[in-house]
Protein backbone atom coordinates (compact mmCIF):
# COMPACT_ATOMS: atom_id res chain seq x y z
CA MET A 1 -32.21 12.77 -33.49
CA LYS A 2 -32.24 9.03 -32.83
CA LYS A 3 -28.43 8.95 -32.85
CA LEU A 4 -28.30 11.79 -30.31
CA LEU A 5 -30.75 9.99 -28.04
CA THR A 6 -28.72 6.77 -28.28
CA THR A 7 -25.51 8.66 -27.48
CA LEU A 8 -27.08 10.39 -24.47
CA THR A 9 -28.46 7.09 -23.18
CA LEU A 10 -25.06 5.45 -23.51
CA PHE A 11 -23.37 8.37 -21.75
CA ALA A 12 -25.91 8.27 -18.90
CA THR A 13 -25.39 4.53 -18.49
CA MET A 14 -21.61 4.92 -18.37
CA LEU A 15 -21.90 7.77 -15.88
CA TYR A 16 -24.17 5.67 -13.67
CA ALA A 17 -21.72 2.76 -13.81
CA ALA A 18 -18.80 5.01 -12.88
CA VAL A 19 -20.68 6.45 -9.90
CA SER A 20 -21.85 3.00 -8.81
CA PHE A 21 -18.29 1.69 -8.55
CA ALA A 22 -16.77 4.81 -6.98
CA ALA A 23 -14.86 4.20 -3.78
CA VAL A 24 -16.41 5.47 -0.55
CA ASP A 25 -13.90 6.55 2.10
CA VAL A 26 -15.14 5.74 5.59
CA ASN A 27 -13.64 8.97 6.99
CA LYS A 28 -15.48 11.24 4.54
CA ALA A 29 -18.72 9.35 3.86
CA THR A 30 -22.18 10.48 4.87
CA ALA A 31 -24.69 8.01 6.25
CA ALA A 32 -26.22 7.76 2.77
CA ASP A 33 -22.79 7.09 1.22
CA LEU A 34 -22.15 4.31 3.74
CA ASP A 35 -25.62 2.84 3.17
CA SER A 36 -24.79 2.55 -0.53
CA ILE A 37 -22.07 -0.01 0.28
CA LYS A 38 -23.28 -3.62 0.14
CA GLY A 39 -23.15 -4.98 3.70
CA ILE A 40 -23.72 -1.64 5.45
CA GLY A 41 -27.21 -0.71 6.53
CA PRO A 42 -28.55 2.13 8.64
CA SER A 43 -27.52 0.49 11.92
CA MET A 44 -23.91 -0.14 10.81
CA SER A 45 -23.56 3.31 9.25
CA ALA A 46 -24.73 4.85 12.56
CA LYS A 47 -22.06 2.82 14.43
CA ILE A 48 -19.39 3.95 11.98
CA ILE A 49 -20.33 7.61 12.21
CA GLU A 50 -20.49 7.43 16.01
CA ALA A 51 -17.01 5.84 16.20
CA ARG A 52 -15.67 8.41 13.74
CA LYS A 53 -16.64 11.23 16.15
CA ALA A 54 -13.58 10.21 18.22
CA GLY A 55 -11.37 10.95 15.20
CA ASN A 56 -10.71 9.64 11.72
CA PHE A 57 -9.86 5.98 11.30
CA LYS A 58 -6.11 5.55 10.70
CA ASP A 59 -6.30 2.25 8.84
CA TRP A 60 -8.38 -0.90 8.51
CA ALA A 61 -7.11 -2.28 11.83
CA ASP A 62 -8.19 0.91 13.63
CA PHE A 63 -11.56 0.76 11.85
CA SER A 64 -12.21 -2.86 12.85
CA ASN A 65 -11.08 -2.23 16.45
CA ARG A 66 -13.37 0.77 16.93
CA VAL A 67 -16.53 -0.46 15.14
CA SER A 68 -18.16 -3.54 16.62
CA GLY A 69 -19.12 -6.19 14.10
CA ILE A 70 -16.25 -5.43 11.73
CA LYS A 71 -13.68 -8.21 11.59
CA ASP A 72 -11.42 -9.57 8.81
CA LYS A 73 -14.14 -11.27 6.76
CA LYS A 74 -16.48 -8.27 6.94
CA SER A 75 -13.60 -5.86 6.19
CA ALA A 76 -12.70 -7.83 3.06
CA ALA A 77 -16.33 -7.86 1.89
CA LEU A 78 -16.78 -4.13 2.50
CA SER A 79 -13.53 -3.35 0.70
CA ASP A 80 -14.65 -5.48 -2.26
CA SER A 81 -17.88 -3.44 -2.30
CA GLY A 82 -15.95 -0.16 -2.57
CA LEU A 83 -15.25 0.95 1.01
CA THR A 84 -11.81 2.40 1.74
CA VAL A 85 -10.05 3.69 4.85
CA ASN A 86 -7.89 6.73 4.03
CA GLY A 87 -8.11 5.68 0.39
CA ALA A 88 -6.72 2.20 1.09
CA THR A 89 -8.47 -1.05 0.31
CA TYR A 90 -8.37 -3.90 2.80
CA SER A 91 -5.57 -6.44 2.69
CA ALA A 92 -5.64 -9.19 5.26
CA VAL A 93 -2.89 -9.23 7.82
CA PRO A 94 -1.63 -12.78 8.39
CA THR A 95 -2.36 -14.30 11.77
CA LYS A 96 0.54 -15.05 14.11
CA ALA A 97 0.39 -18.72 13.15
CA GLU A 98 0.41 -17.90 9.43
CA ALA A 99 3.28 -15.45 9.86
CA LYS A 100 5.28 -17.98 11.88
CA ALA A 101 4.67 -20.72 9.30
CA GLY A 102 5.69 -18.33 6.54
CA LEU A 103 8.95 -17.49 8.29
CA LYS A 104 9.85 -21.14 8.70
CA THR A 105 9.10 -21.84 5.05
CA ASP A 106 11.01 -18.82 3.82
CA ALA A 107 13.98 -19.40 6.16
CA LYS A 108 14.82 -22.88 4.86
CA PRO A 109 15.36 -23.33 1.15
CA ALA A 110 14.34 -26.68 -0.26
CA ALA A 111 17.13 -29.27 -0.15
CA ALA A 112 18.48 -30.50 -3.46
CA SER A 113 17.23 -33.91 -4.48
CA ALA A 114 19.80 -36.68 -4.16
CA THR A 115 18.76 -38.06 -7.54
CA THR A 116 19.12 -34.77 -9.41
CA PRO A 117 22.67 -34.37 -10.71
CA THR A 118 24.32 -31.04 -10.04
CA ALA A 119 27.70 -29.61 -10.97
CA THR A 120 29.21 -30.98 -7.76
CA ASN A 121 27.85 -34.54 -7.82
CA LYS A 122 28.13 -35.51 -11.49
CA PRO A 123 29.69 -38.91 -12.03
CA ALA A 124 33.29 -38.66 -13.21
CA THR A 125 33.85 -39.58 -16.84
CA PRO A 126 36.82 -41.77 -17.55
CA SER A 127 39.50 -39.89 -19.44
CA GLY A 128 41.00 -41.21 -22.63
CA LYS A 129 37.93 -43.07 -23.84
């Protein structure tokens, strides 16, 4: 009997853990589902549901544009807490400055060091010695 009770307790704990970490999709969630996400309270869930009345959110950018108070930092935190948009987690989009800097870095490969010998600049070895 004690073994059965221990097994049931373990199963209940695992089931609770699985439910606690389940993803909540913003397009399908009830107010209670949204409130279960860390960082969303009754006021924010009401804003989300009101904005959703105009149609489902297409992606994280659409979500943050239509719900006031949701920007990159908040989107990342909500995603980390289990919120998804159409099943997708949040991934930050680089700013224009970051994208431009990335293009410059990627466009120019690093120049070879003048002190590092390569196949084309090895010193010639005298022949016959």
